[in-house]
Amino acid sequence: MSTSTEDIAVSPFSEDEFREQLRELPPSAKLVAKVLEDEAPLSQGQLAETSLLPDRTVRYALNRLEESELVDSRYSFTDARKQVYFLTA
């Protein structure tokens, strides 16, 4: 499975709409989004390590971000058992 820029989802939001959606989310989701903005793609474990948030909080934040369609995921190329997350904007 090869990945190119076409394989990554394109955001349905403009930059302003993305920021507005993000404003409505809890602080943990905002922190996870900021980490992904700087260092994506990251696995859930890498997000927990980088953000210093507990695993459970990172899972909650990712679920909220995915529900808002601000984050998407794919399987990791280095370890197919893991998913990596990235911003859709």
Protein backbone atom coordinates (compact mmCIF):
# COMPACT_ATOMS: atom_id res chain seq x y z
CA MET A 1 0.00 0.00 0.00
CA SER A 2 1.63 3.22 -1.08
CA THR A 3 0.81 6.60 0.29
CA SER A 4 0.83 9.84 -1.56
CA THR A 5 -0.71 13.20 -0.87
CA GLU A 6 -3.89 11.98 -2.60
CA ASP A 7 -4.33 9.26 0.06
CA ILE A 8 -4.60 11.77 2.89
CA ALA A 9 -8.05 13.22 3.50
CA VAL A 10 -8.64 16.80 2.50
CA SER A 11 -10.34 18.95 5.10
CA PRO A 12 -13.94 19.93 4.47
CA PHE A 13 -13.16 23.08 6.48
CA SER A 14 -11.36 26.30 5.70
CA GLU A 15 -8.70 27.40 8.19
CA ASP A 16 -11.20 29.69 9.97
CA GLU A 17 -13.84 26.95 10.14
CA PHE A 18 -11.22 24.52 11.45
CA ARG A 19 -10.28 26.95 14.24
CA GLU A 20 -13.94 27.56 15.07
CA GLN A 21 -14.63 23.82 15.35
CA LEU A 22 -11.54 23.43 17.54
CA ARG A 23 -12.66 26.24 19.88
CA GLU A 24 -15.72 24.21 20.86
CA LEU A 25 -13.68 21.18 21.99
CA PRO A 26 -12.20 20.45 25.44
CA PRO A 27 -8.65 21.59 26.32
CA SER A 28 -7.24 18.07 25.92
CA ALA A 29 -8.45 17.95 22.30
CA LYS A 30 -6.91 21.36 21.64
CA LEU A 31 -3.56 20.19 23.04
CA VAL A 32 -3.62 16.99 20.98
CA ALA A 33 -4.46 19.04 17.86
CA LYS A 34 -1.54 21.38 18.59
CA VAL A 35 0.85 18.45 18.97
CA LEU A 36 -0.42 16.98 15.70
CA GLU A 37 -0.04 20.37 14.02
CA ASP A 38 3.65 20.35 14.94
CA GLU A 39 4.58 16.66 14.67
CA ALA A 40 2.02 14.59 12.72
CA PRO A 41 1.54 11.75 12.04
CA LEU A 42 1.80 10.25 15.53
CA SER A 43 0.45 7.13 17.19
CA GLN A 44 -1.73 7.32 20.27
CA GLY A 45 1.23 6.36 22.47
CA GLN A 46 3.45 8.99 20.88
CA LEU A 47 0.71 11.59 21.41
CA ALA A 48 0.46 10.65 25.10
CA GLU A 49 4.23 10.84 25.50
CA THR A 50 4.58 14.16 23.67
CA SER A 51 1.56 15.88 25.23
CA LEU A 52 2.20 14.44 28.73
CA LEU A 53 -1.49 13.48 28.90
CA PRO A 54 -2.70 10.09 30.19
CA ASP A 55 -3.55 7.48 27.52
CA ARG A 56 -7.23 7.61 28.40
CA THR A 57 -7.33 11.39 27.96
CA VAL A 58 -5.59 11.13 24.59
CA ARG A 59 -8.16 8.53 23.46
CA TYR A 60 -10.98 10.83 24.54
CA ALA A 61 -9.40 13.81 22.76
CA LEU A 62 -8.87 11.81 19.55
CA ASN A 63 -12.48 10.59 19.63
CA ARG A 64 -13.74 14.15 19.98
CA LEU A 65 -11.44 15.37 17.19
CA GLU A 66 -12.53 12.52 14.90
CA GLU A 67 -16.22 13.22 15.61
CA SER A 68 -15.61 16.82 14.55
CA GLU A 69 -13.75 15.56 11.45
CA LEU A 70 -10.64 17.51 12.44
CA VAL A 71 -8.41 14.43 12.72
CA ASP A 72 -8.09 11.36 10.58
CA SER A 73 -6.07 8.17 10.95
CA ARG A 74 -4.36 5.50 8.91
CA TYR A 75 -2.32 2.42 9.69
CA SER A 76 1.34 3.02 10.44
CA PHE A 77 3.76 1.96 7.74
CA THR A 78 6.38 1.01 10.32
CA ASP A 79 3.98 -1.05 12.49
CA ALA A 80 0.70 -2.11 10.89
CA ARG A 81 -0.77 -2.91 14.32
CA LYS A 82 -0.84 0.79 15.15
CA GLN A 83 -2.76 3.70 13.75
CA VAL A 84 -1.25 7.14 13.30
CA TYR A 85 -3.24 10.34 13.50
CA PHE A 86 -3.00 13.59 11.54
CA LEU A 87 -5.01 16.79 11.18
CA THR A 88 -7.35 17.01 8.21
CA ALA A 89 -6.62 20.74 7.73
